[in-house]
Amino acid sequence: MAELMASEPNALELVLDFIRNLEAGGDGGAIGRFLAADFVLVEAPHLLAPEGSTRTRDQAMAGLDQSGEVVADQKFDVRRTTCEGGRVVVEADWSARTLMDLRYWDAGETIRARTSSVFEVRDGLIISQDSYDCYFVNS
């Protein structure tokens, strides 16, 4: 079993603020203030990235900047959370409007996913996020 991070009394609120900033369309400056210099994002394989990915903070921030060209109006409906020490788990329903044609969606359609993410917080910053996304395909 993975070792838990030391107690982070505001870890849950930090992660929820991070999610609210993403939803509000926060740019790199707004989002970057939540992330440690050694932040790592791990995405498990999913419909849009069958190989999954591992990104550094800089790579994740570049992806954030590019995402504004792909989707808009992101919404996160947080279904449940749990927090132990510096580890926060969030399960949410995510949706966004596509700005371009994607493999399974046309521009203007709503893309939806159920997502679960495990965040690690240290010294008041997010040091990692492991995401597990399950996209719903329009039929």
N, C-alpha and C. Protein backbone atom coordinates (compact mmCIF):
# COMPACT_ATOMS: atom_id res chain seq x y z
N MET A 1 0.84 -1.18 0.00
CA MET A 1 0.00 0.00 0.00
C MET A 1 0.89 1.24 0.00
N ALA A 2 0.49 2.24 -0.77
CA ALA A 2 1.27 3.48 -0.87
C ALA A 2 1.26 4.22 0.46
N GLU A 3 2.37 4.87 0.74
CA GLU A 3 2.49 5.63 1.97
C GLU A 3 1.71 6.94 1.83
N LEU A 4 0.97 7.29 2.89
CA LEU A 4 0.20 8.52 2.87
C LEU A 4 1.10 9.72 3.12
N MET A 5 0.76 10.82 2.49
CA MET A 5 1.47 12.07 2.73
C MET A 5 1.10 12.56 4.13
N ALA A 6 1.96 13.37 4.70
CA ALA A 6 1.69 13.96 6.00
C ALA A 6 0.39 14.76 5.93
N SER A 7 -0.19 15.00 7.07
CA SER A 7 -1.45 15.72 7.15
C SER A 7 -1.37 17.07 6.44
N GLU A 8 -2.35 17.34 5.61
CA GLU A 8 -2.50 18.61 4.90
C GLU A 8 -3.90 19.10 5.22
N PRO A 9 -4.03 19.96 6.24
CA PRO A 9 -5.37 20.31 6.73
C PRO A 9 -6.29 20.94 5.70
N ASN A 10 -5.77 21.57 4.67
CA ASN A 10 -6.62 22.22 3.68
C ASN A 10 -6.56 21.54 2.31
N ALA A 11 -6.13 20.29 2.28
CA ALA A 11 -5.94 19.60 1.00
C ALA A 11 -7.23 19.52 0.18
N LEU A 12 -8.33 19.16 0.80
CA LEU A 12 -9.59 19.03 0.07
C LEU A 12 -10.01 20.37 -0.51
N GLU A 13 -9.96 21.41 0.28
CA GLU A 13 -10.37 22.74 -0.22
C GLU A 13 -9.45 23.22 -1.33
N LEU A 14 -8.16 22.94 -1.23
CA LEU A 14 -7.21 23.31 -2.28
C LEU A 14 -7.59 22.63 -3.60
N VAL A 15 -7.86 21.33 -3.55
CA VAL A 15 -8.21 20.58 -4.77
C VAL A 15 -9.54 21.07 -5.34
N LEU A 16 -10.52 21.32 -4.50
CA LEU A 16 -11.80 21.83 -5.00
C LEU A 16 -11.65 23.22 -5.60
N ASP A 17 -10.79 24.06 -5.02
CA ASP A 17 -10.51 25.37 -5.62
C ASP A 17 -9.85 25.21 -6.99
N PHE A 18 -8.92 24.26 -7.09
CA PHE A 18 -8.26 23.95 -8.36
C PHE A 18 -9.30 23.58 -9.42
N ILE A 19 -10.24 22.70 -9.06
CA ILE A 19 -11.28 22.27 -9.99
C ILE A 19 -12.18 23.44 -10.37
N ARG A 20 -12.54 24.28 -9.41
CA ARG A 20 -13.38 25.46 -9.72
C ARG A 20 -12.66 26.39 -10.69
N ASN A 21 -11.35 26.54 -10.54
CA ASN A 21 -10.58 27.39 -11.46
C ASN A 21 -10.53 26.78 -12.86
N LEU A 22 -10.40 25.47 -12.96
CA LEU A 22 -10.46 24.81 -14.27
C LEU A 22 -11.82 25.06 -14.92
N GLU A 23 -12.86 24.89 -14.13
CA GLU A 23 -14.22 25.07 -14.64
C GLU A 23 -14.45 26.50 -15.11
N ALA A 24 -13.86 27.46 -14.43
CA ALA A 24 -14.03 28.86 -14.78
C ALA A 24 -13.18 29.27 -15.98
N GLY A 25 -12.44 28.30 -16.53
CA GLY A 25 -11.62 28.59 -17.70
C GLY A 25 -10.30 29.24 -17.35
N GLY A 26 -9.83 28.99 -16.13
CA GLY A 26 -8.58 29.59 -15.68
C GLY A 26 -7.42 29.32 -16.63
N ASP A 27 -6.61 30.35 -16.83
CA ASP A 27 -5.44 30.21 -17.68
C ASP A 27 -4.27 29.66 -16.86
N GLY A 28 -3.11 29.58 -17.50
CA GLY A 28 -1.94 29.03 -16.84
C GLY A 28 -1.61 29.70 -15.53
N GLY A 29 -1.77 31.02 -15.46
CA GLY A 29 -1.47 31.73 -14.23
C GLY A 29 -2.41 31.35 -13.11
N ALA A 30 -3.69 31.26 -13.43
CA ALA A 30 -4.69 30.91 -12.42
C ALA A 30 -4.52 29.47 -11.95
N ILE A 31 -4.19 28.58 -12.85
CA ILE A 31 -4.05 27.16 -12.51
C ILE A 31 -2.67 26.86 -11.93
N GLY A 32 -1.65 27.49 -12.47
CA GLY A 32 -0.29 27.21 -12.05
C GLY A 32 -0.03 27.44 -10.58
N ARG A 33 -0.75 28.36 -9.97
CA ARG A 33 -0.53 28.66 -8.55
C ARG A 33 -0.89 27.50 -7.63
N PHE A 34 -1.64 26.51 -8.15
CA PHE A 34 -2.02 25.34 -7.36
C PHE A 34 -0.99 24.21 -7.44
N LEU A 35 -0.10 24.27 -8.42
CA LEU A 35 0.76 23.13 -8.75
C LEU A 35 2.19 23.33 -8.29
N ALA A 36 2.75 22.29 -7.66
CA ALA A 36 4.15 22.31 -7.26
C ALA A 36 5.04 22.25 -8.49
N ALA A 37 6.27 22.70 -8.35
CA ALA A 37 7.23 22.69 -9.46
C ALA A 37 7.45 21.28 -9.99
N ASP A 38 7.35 20.28 -9.11
CA ASP A 38 7.58 18.89 -9.52
C ASP A 38 6.27 18.13 -9.77
N PHE A 39 5.19 18.85 -10.02
CA PHE A 39 3.88 18.25 -10.30
C PHE A 39 3.97 17.26 -11.47
N VAL A 40 3.23 16.15 -11.32
CA VAL A 40 3.14 15.14 -12.38
C VAL A 40 1.67 14.77 -12.56
N LEU A 41 1.23 14.75 -13.82
CA LEU A 41 -0.13 14.33 -14.18
C LEU A 41 -0.04 13.00 -14.90
N VAL A 42 -0.73 12.01 -14.38
CA VAL A 42 -0.79 10.69 -15.01
C VAL A 42 -2.23 10.44 -15.41
N GLU A 43 -2.45 10.22 -16.72
CA GLU A 43 -3.77 9.89 -17.23
C GLU A 43 -3.77 8.42 -17.63
N ALA A 44 -4.69 7.66 -17.04
CA ALA A 44 -4.84 6.26 -17.44
C ALA A 44 -5.38 6.23 -18.87
N PRO A 45 -5.15 5.15 -19.60
CA PRO A 45 -5.67 5.07 -20.97
C PRO A 45 -7.18 5.32 -20.99
N HIS A 46 -7.62 6.07 -21.99
CA HIS A 46 -9.05 6.35 -22.16
C HIS A 46 -9.34 6.58 -23.64
N LEU A 47 -10.58 6.85 -23.95
CA LEU A 47 -11.06 6.96 -25.32
C LEU A 47 -10.24 7.94 -26.17
N LEU A 48 -9.88 9.08 -25.60
CA LEU A 48 -9.17 10.09 -26.36
C LEU A 48 -7.64 9.92 -26.32
N ALA A 49 -7.16 9.12 -25.39
CA ALA A 49 -5.72 8.86 -25.27
C ALA A 49 -5.54 7.38 -24.91
N PRO A 50 -5.69 6.49 -25.92
CA PRO A 50 -5.65 5.05 -25.65
C PRO A 50 -4.36 4.57 -25.00
N GLU A 51 -3.29 5.33 -25.17
CA GLU A 51 -2.01 4.95 -24.56
C GLU A 51 -1.86 5.53 -23.15
N GLY A 52 -2.77 6.44 -22.77
CA GLY A 52 -2.59 7.16 -21.52
C GLY A 52 -1.45 8.15 -21.67
N SER A 53 -1.08 8.80 -20.59
CA SER A 53 0.04 9.74 -20.66
C SER A 53 0.55 10.07 -19.27
N THR A 54 1.79 10.51 -19.24
CA THR A 54 2.40 11.06 -18.04
C THR A 54 3.01 12.39 -18.44
N ARG A 55 2.65 13.46 -17.72
CA ARG A 55 3.11 14.80 -18.09
C ARG A 55 3.71 15.51 -16.88
N THR A 56 4.75 16.27 -17.15
CA THR A 56 5.33 17.14 -16.14
C THR A 56 4.43 18.36 -15.96
N ARG A 57 4.77 19.20 -15.02
CA ARG A 57 4.02 20.43 -14.80
C ARG A 57 4.01 21.27 -16.08
N ASP A 58 5.17 21.46 -16.69
CA ASP A 58 5.24 22.28 -17.90
C ASP A 58 4.40 21.69 -19.03
N GLN A 59 4.45 20.38 -19.18
CA GLN A 59 3.65 19.73 -20.23
C GLN A 59 2.15 19.85 -19.94
N ALA A 60 1.78 19.69 -18.68
CA ALA A 60 0.37 19.82 -18.31
C ALA A 60 -0.13 21.25 -18.54
N MET A 61 0.71 22.23 -18.21
CA MET A 61 0.32 23.62 -18.42
C MET A 61 0.18 23.93 -19.92
N ALA A 62 1.06 23.39 -20.74
CA ALA A 62 0.95 23.58 -22.19
C ALA A 62 -0.34 22.94 -22.70
N GLY A 63 -0.67 21.76 -22.19
CA GLY A 63 -1.92 21.09 -22.57
C GLY A 63 -3.13 21.90 -22.16
N LEU A 64 -3.06 22.53 -21.01
CA LEU A 64 -4.15 23.39 -20.55
C LEU A 64 -4.36 24.55 -21.52
N ASP A 65 -3.26 25.18 -21.92
CA ASP A 65 -3.37 26.29 -22.87
C ASP A 65 -3.99 25.83 -24.18
N GLN A 66 -3.62 24.64 -24.66
CA GLN A 66 -4.16 24.12 -25.92
C GLN A 66 -5.61 23.68 -25.79
N SER A 67 -6.03 23.26 -24.60
CA SER A 67 -7.39 22.76 -24.43
C SER A 67 -8.44 23.82 -24.72
N GLY A 68 -8.09 25.10 -24.56
CA GLY A 68 -9.02 26.18 -24.86
C GLY A 68 -9.38 26.27 -26.32
N GLU A 69 -8.58 25.61 -27.17
CA GLU A 69 -8.88 25.56 -28.60
C GLU A 69 -9.76 24.35 -28.95
N VAL A 70 -9.91 23.44 -27.99
CA VAL A 70 -10.62 22.18 -28.24
C VAL A 70 -11.99 22.16 -27.57
N VAL A 71 -12.07 22.65 -26.32
CA VAL A 71 -13.33 22.63 -25.58
C VAL A 71 -13.56 23.96 -24.88
N ALA A 72 -14.83 24.22 -24.56
CA ALA A 72 -15.23 25.40 -23.80
C ALA A 72 -16.34 25.00 -22.84
N ASP A 73 -16.64 25.89 -21.93
CA ASP A 73 -17.76 25.68 -21.00
C ASP A 73 -17.62 24.40 -20.19
N GLN A 74 -16.42 24.16 -19.67
CA GLN A 74 -16.21 22.97 -18.84
C GLN A 74 -17.07 23.06 -17.58
N LYS A 75 -17.61 21.94 -17.18
CA LYS A 75 -18.39 21.85 -15.95
C LYS A 75 -17.97 20.58 -15.21
N PHE A 76 -17.81 20.71 -13.91
CA PHE A 76 -17.51 19.57 -13.05
C PHE A 76 -18.62 19.47 -12.01
N ASP A 77 -19.33 18.36 -12.02
CA ASP A 77 -20.33 18.08 -10.99
C ASP A 77 -19.68 17.07 -10.04
N VAL A 78 -19.14 17.57 -8.94
CA VAL A 78 -18.44 16.70 -7.99
C VAL A 78 -19.47 15.83 -7.30
N ARG A 79 -19.31 14.53 -7.45
CA ARG A 79 -20.26 13.57 -6.89
C ARG A 79 -19.86 13.16 -5.47
N ARG A 80 -18.56 12.96 -5.26
CA ARG A 80 -18.10 12.62 -3.91
C ARG A 80 -16.59 12.83 -3.82
N THR A 81 -16.16 13.01 -2.60
CA THR A 81 -14.74 13.21 -2.32
C THR A 81 -14.36 12.42 -1.08
N THR A 82 -13.09 12.19 -0.97
CA THR A 82 -12.55 11.65 0.27
C THR A 82 -11.15 12.22 0.44
N CYS A 83 -10.75 12.38 1.67
CA CYS A 83 -9.45 12.98 1.93
C CYS A 83 -8.82 12.29 3.13
N GLU A 84 -7.58 11.91 2.98
CA GLU A 84 -6.83 11.31 4.07
C GLU A 84 -5.41 11.84 3.99
N GLY A 85 -4.99 12.53 5.02
CA GLY A 85 -3.67 13.13 4.98
C GLY A 85 -3.60 14.13 3.85
N GLY A 86 -2.62 13.97 2.97
CA GLY A 86 -2.49 14.85 1.82
C GLY A 86 -3.06 14.26 0.55
N ARG A 87 -3.79 13.17 0.66
CA ARG A 87 -4.39 12.51 -0.52
C ARG A 87 -5.87 12.86 -0.60
N VAL A 88 -6.27 13.35 -1.79
CA VAL A 88 -7.67 13.71 -2.04
C VAL A 88 -8.14 12.93 -3.26
N VAL A 89 -9.29 12.29 -3.13
CA VAL A 89 -9.90 11.58 -4.25
C VAL A 89 -11.20 12.28 -4.59
N VAL A 90 -11.36 12.58 -5.88
CA VAL A 90 -12.56 13.27 -6.36
C VAL A 90 -13.18 12.45 -7.48
N GLU A 91 -14.47 12.19 -7.35
CA GLU A 91 -15.24 11.58 -8.43
C GLU A 91 -16.20 12.65 -8.94
N ALA A 92 -16.19 12.86 -10.26
CA ALA A 92 -17.02 13.94 -10.82
C ALA A 92 -17.56 13.56 -12.19
N ASP A 93 -18.67 14.18 -12.54
CA ASP A 93 -19.17 14.15 -13.91
C ASP A 93 -18.65 15.41 -14.56
N TRP A 94 -17.97 15.25 -15.69
CA TRP A 94 -17.37 16.37 -16.41
C TRP A 94 -18.07 16.51 -17.75
N SER A 95 -18.24 17.74 -18.18
CA SER A 95 -18.77 17.99 -19.53
C SER A 95 -18.14 19.26 -20.09
N ALA A 96 -18.15 19.36 -21.40
CA ALA A 96 -17.65 20.55 -22.09
C ALA A 96 -18.23 20.56 -23.49
N ARG A 97 -18.24 21.73 -24.10
CA ARG A 97 -18.68 21.89 -25.48
C ARG A 97 -17.46 21.82 -26.38
N THR A 98 -17.54 20.99 -27.42
CA THR A 98 -16.41 20.85 -28.34
C THR A 98 -16.36 22.04 -29.29
N LEU A 99 -15.15 22.53 -29.54
CA LEU A 99 -14.95 23.66 -30.45
C LEU A 99 -14.47 23.21 -31.82
N MET A 100 -14.18 21.94 -31.95
CA MET A 100 -13.73 21.37 -33.22
C MET A 100 -14.22 19.94 -33.30
N ASP A 101 -14.19 19.39 -34.47
CA ASP A 101 -14.55 17.99 -34.63
C ASP A 101 -13.48 17.12 -33.97
N LEU A 102 -13.95 16.17 -33.18
CA LEU A 102 -13.08 15.17 -32.57
C LEU A 102 -13.51 13.81 -33.07
N ARG A 103 -12.77 12.80 -32.75
CA ARG A 103 -13.05 11.48 -33.30
C ARG A 103 -14.50 11.02 -33.08
N TYR A 104 -15.05 11.27 -31.91
CA TYR A 104 -16.38 10.78 -31.59
C TYR A 104 -17.42 11.90 -31.44
N TRP A 105 -17.01 13.16 -31.60
CA TRP A 105 -17.91 14.29 -31.42
C TRP A 105 -17.68 15.33 -32.50
N ASP A 106 -18.77 15.98 -32.90
CA ASP A 106 -18.68 17.08 -33.85
C ASP A 106 -18.58 18.39 -33.08
N ALA A 107 -18.02 19.40 -33.73
CA ALA A 107 -17.92 20.72 -33.11
C ALA A 107 -19.30 21.16 -32.63
N GLY A 108 -19.36 21.71 -31.43
CA GLY A 108 -20.61 22.18 -30.86
C GLY A 108 -21.34 21.17 -30.00
N GLU A 109 -20.95 19.89 -30.10
CA GLU A 109 -21.58 18.88 -29.27
C GLU A 109 -21.02 18.93 -27.85
N THR A 110 -21.77 18.32 -26.94
CA THR A 110 -21.31 18.23 -25.55
C THR A 110 -20.62 16.89 -25.35
N ILE A 111 -19.42 16.97 -24.84
CA ILE A 111 -18.64 15.77 -24.51
C ILE A 111 -18.79 15.55 -23.00
N ARG A 112 -18.99 14.29 -22.61
CA ARG A 112 -19.21 13.97 -21.19
C ARG A 112 -18.31 12.82 -20.77
N ALA A 113 -17.91 12.88 -19.51
CA ALA A 113 -17.10 11.80 -18.94
C ALA A 113 -17.37 11.70 -17.45
N ARG A 114 -17.24 10.51 -16.93
CA ARG A 114 -17.16 10.29 -15.49
C ARG A 114 -15.68 10.19 -15.19
N THR A 115 -15.22 10.98 -14.25
CA THR A 115 -13.80 11.01 -13.95
C THR A 115 -13.55 10.80 -12.46
N SER A 116 -12.50 10.08 -12.18
CA SER A 116 -12.01 9.94 -10.81
C SER A 116 -10.55 10.34 -10.83
N SER A 117 -10.18 11.18 -9.89
CA SER A 117 -8.79 11.64 -9.82
C SER A 117 -8.29 11.52 -8.39
N VAL A 118 -7.04 11.11 -8.29
CA VAL A 118 -6.36 11.02 -7.01
C VAL A 118 -5.28 12.10 -7.00
N PHE A 119 -5.40 13.03 -6.09
CA PHE A 119 -4.46 14.14 -5.95
C PHE A 119 -3.59 13.92 -4.72
N GLU A 120 -2.34 14.31 -4.81
CA GLU A 120 -1.45 14.33 -3.64
C GLU A 120 -1.07 15.78 -3.41
N VAL A 121 -1.19 16.22 -2.16
CA VAL A 121 -0.90 17.60 -1.78
C VAL A 121 0.24 17.60 -0.77
N ARG A 122 1.19 18.50 -1.00
CA ARG A 122 2.32 18.66 -0.06
C ARG A 122 2.61 20.15 0.06
N ASP A 123 2.77 20.61 1.28
CA ASP A 123 3.11 22.01 1.54
C ASP A 123 2.16 22.98 0.84
N GLY A 124 0.88 22.63 0.80
CA GLY A 124 -0.13 23.52 0.25
C GLY A 124 -0.19 23.58 -1.27
N LEU A 125 0.49 22.63 -1.95
CA LEU A 125 0.47 22.57 -3.41
C LEU A 125 0.17 21.16 -3.88
N ILE A 126 -0.44 21.04 -5.05
CA ILE A 126 -0.72 19.73 -5.63
C ILE A 126 0.57 19.23 -6.27
N ILE A 127 1.03 18.04 -5.84
CA ILE A 127 2.26 17.49 -6.41
C ILE A 127 1.98 16.43 -7.46
N SER A 128 0.77 15.85 -7.44
CA SER A 128 0.44 14.86 -8.47
C SER A 128 -1.07 14.72 -8.61
N GLN A 129 -1.45 14.28 -9.81
CA GLN A 129 -2.85 13.95 -10.11
C GLN A 129 -2.83 12.72 -11.00
N ASP A 130 -3.51 11.68 -10.56
CA ASP A 130 -3.71 10.48 -11.38
C ASP A 130 -5.19 10.48 -11.77
N SER A 131 -5.48 10.52 -13.07
CA SER A 131 -6.86 10.62 -13.55
C SER A 131 -7.30 9.37 -14.28
N TYR A 132 -8.53 9.01 -14.04
CA TYR A 132 -9.18 7.85 -14.66
C TYR A 132 -10.49 8.35 -15.25
N ASP A 133 -10.52 8.51 -16.58
CA ASP A 133 -11.65 9.12 -17.27
C ASP A 133 -12.40 8.08 -18.11
N CYS A 134 -13.71 8.10 -18.00
CA CYS A 134 -14.56 7.22 -18.79
C CYS A 134 -15.52 8.10 -19.59
N TYR A 135 -15.25 8.20 -20.90
CA TYR A 135 -16.04 9.08 -21.77
C TYR A 135 -17.28 8.36 -22.27
N PHE A 136 -18.37 9.13 -22.38
CA PHE A 136 -19.62 8.62 -22.94
C PHE A 136 -19.66 9.07 -24.40
N VAL A 137 -19.90 8.13 -25.29
CA VAL A 137 -19.97 8.43 -26.72
C VAL A 137 -21.44 8.67 -27.10
N ASN A 138 -21.70 9.76 -27.82
CA ASN A 138 -23.06 10.04 -28.28
C ASN A 138 -23.49 8.96 -29.26
N SER A 139 -24.75 8.54 -29.13
CA SER A 139 -25.21 7.50 -30.06
C SER A 139 -26.30 8.02 -30.97
